[in-house]
Amino acid sequence: MPAAVVLPPAPSEPSQALPREEARDTLAPSSFGSLGSRPHPGAPPTGVRSARAPLPTLGELEGASATATLRPPGAVPPPPRALPTATPSPDPVAFERHGVLETPLPLPRTPITPALELDSTLGMSGSASKKAAQAALVEQSRLAESVVAPSAVPAPGLYIADEPLERRPKQASLVTVPRQELTRLRGAMLVLGGLLLMAAGALVVLVFRRADANRQAVVGRASASVAAVAPPGCALHAPPSRISPIERSVPIAARTLADGNVALAFAETKTSAVAFLYRPVSGDVERQQTSSSNAEVTHVSLDAPPIVTRGSADFALGQALSPGLELGVGANGILRRGSDGATGVVWSLPTGSRVTQPRVVQLPGGYFVTFRQGGAEGQIVTGWVRADGTAASELTPLSGLPHNLGTPTTAVFAERALLLVSARADKTERYRIFAAPAAPGQAAGPARVLEAPGEGGGAIAPSLSALPGGRYLLQWTDGNVGQYQVRSRILNAELSPLAPPALVSAKGANAGQGVVVGTARGAASFFIQTTAGHDELWGVALTCH
């Protein structure tokens, strides 16, 4: 190792010298000479030595080698020349031994020498030299601010290498604050966007619902307009339903009540009669009365209670006109029978005449009576009976009919009586339905054909009832034996068709020989349906427009 360069000592000044540590005498000699001896800690502080003479440069020293490396200016920041606050005076010995700075008594202010300023820029080798340089810097700071009261707060920018740094508290920077504001703004925008999406969804649902309601209203108005211009017709309110077993030979009596329900009366068997209440809206039926006897039932009236007429050898095919008055067939012709059982002749007929059961319809002027005389190739005759059962007119044959006749029936038509019968010219033709009105007390005729198309054997077993608006509903049976069906058609006040025929009975069912009555909502149809060889009464409600 090259020898250290020894500089000549600077002339001493009366000022106090810097304190020295005893341990520092054992250090390697410095190129700037010895710093002097340190007084005893209890002794008063000594003066600071005077400024040293300018030092020669390394180039001026021949054969000398330096033990320290000259660093560029600014590598170690020079001590501040003027501090705003007091700086503590550290004790280098206490700092070196215990790592704690002690503040001795203040020293008089001494100007900083260039040598000390040069010492601050030298990098010393070894930990002892480094600590000595740090102690010198601390001493210079203390001397520079000796006139200020000592403070425990270190000077800004003065840090000791071996002292751990205190963590600075985290503060919001100019970038963090706007970032936090931006985060809150984004959250608010997300919430506002979600609310707007929910409002938009509710608005879309409301628009679609309103559009659907408007569409339904338009469809309803269109349906109403179509119904207004559509041709009239009747549709089944519900499929036909079974009511009860029935005896085919006894006519079905039906009448609409004031509450909209329908009263029914018919023979359940040959010797028992029943009365039912039929509700067209629900299709339900309620049995109200049953009458049984050993004699055969020939007719059941719709009086309250219903009157059951039974046949006998001298009074056959009888039916009740009113309580205490019956009309039947005897050996002498058409007979009447009172409540006392006495009979009288209404119209005389040839002995042995073949007649069907008389069909009667009541009008304010009396009873209109019609029946077939002489078999299928005979004739249809009509007449009027007074309220007491006596004849109001003579029997009159109906004109305008073919020779092959069915069984006639009656109905009310525009305050007149109407006769309905199916007829054909011969067995090679199909049956057609003929109608003939009759004013009170006058003969019926002539007959006219009603447009009731049929298949197979043609249209038979007609029935007619009035509908609201001056219209009428015609019902008949169509088809062949074992394959009969019940159909209906709306007619106007002149008995001309207003709508195509409609099927009333179920498809594939063998049904026919029924009766139809008008209701507040349309009509109620009743017919006999044969199932497994048994006759049953079925009913269905019709909605007509």
Foldseek 3Di string as FASTA:
>chain_A
DFDAADDDDFDWDQFFPDADDPVCVPDDAANDGDRDHHDDPVDDGGGHTDAGDDDDDPVVDPRHDHQWDQDDPPPQDAADLDFPAAAAQFDLVCCVPPVDGDGDQFDAADDDYVVLVSLRRIDHPDPSSVSVNLNSRSNNSRNSRSVHDHDPDHTPPRDDPPDDDDDDDDDDDPVNVVVVVVVVVVVVVVVVVVVVVVVVVVVVVVVVVVVVVVVVVVVVVVVVVCVVVPFWDKDFLDAWDFDAFADQQAAWDWDADPVFWIWTKGANDQFKIWIWIAHQNVRDIDTDDMDGDPFGWLYWAVDVVIDTDGDDQAFPNKDDPDVQWIWGAGQQGIWIAGNVGDIDDQAGDPGPKDKRRWAWDAAPLAIKIWIFIRPQQGFIWIFGAHPVGHGLDYIDTEPDAARGWDTWYWDAAPRWIKIWTWGDNDQVDATFIWMWTAHRSGTTDHIDTAPDAAPDRTWGQKEKEAEPPQKIKIKTWHDDVPQIFIKIFIAHSVRHTRDDIDTRHDPPWHKGNWYWYAGNQGIKIWIWTADPNTTTIMITHMGMD
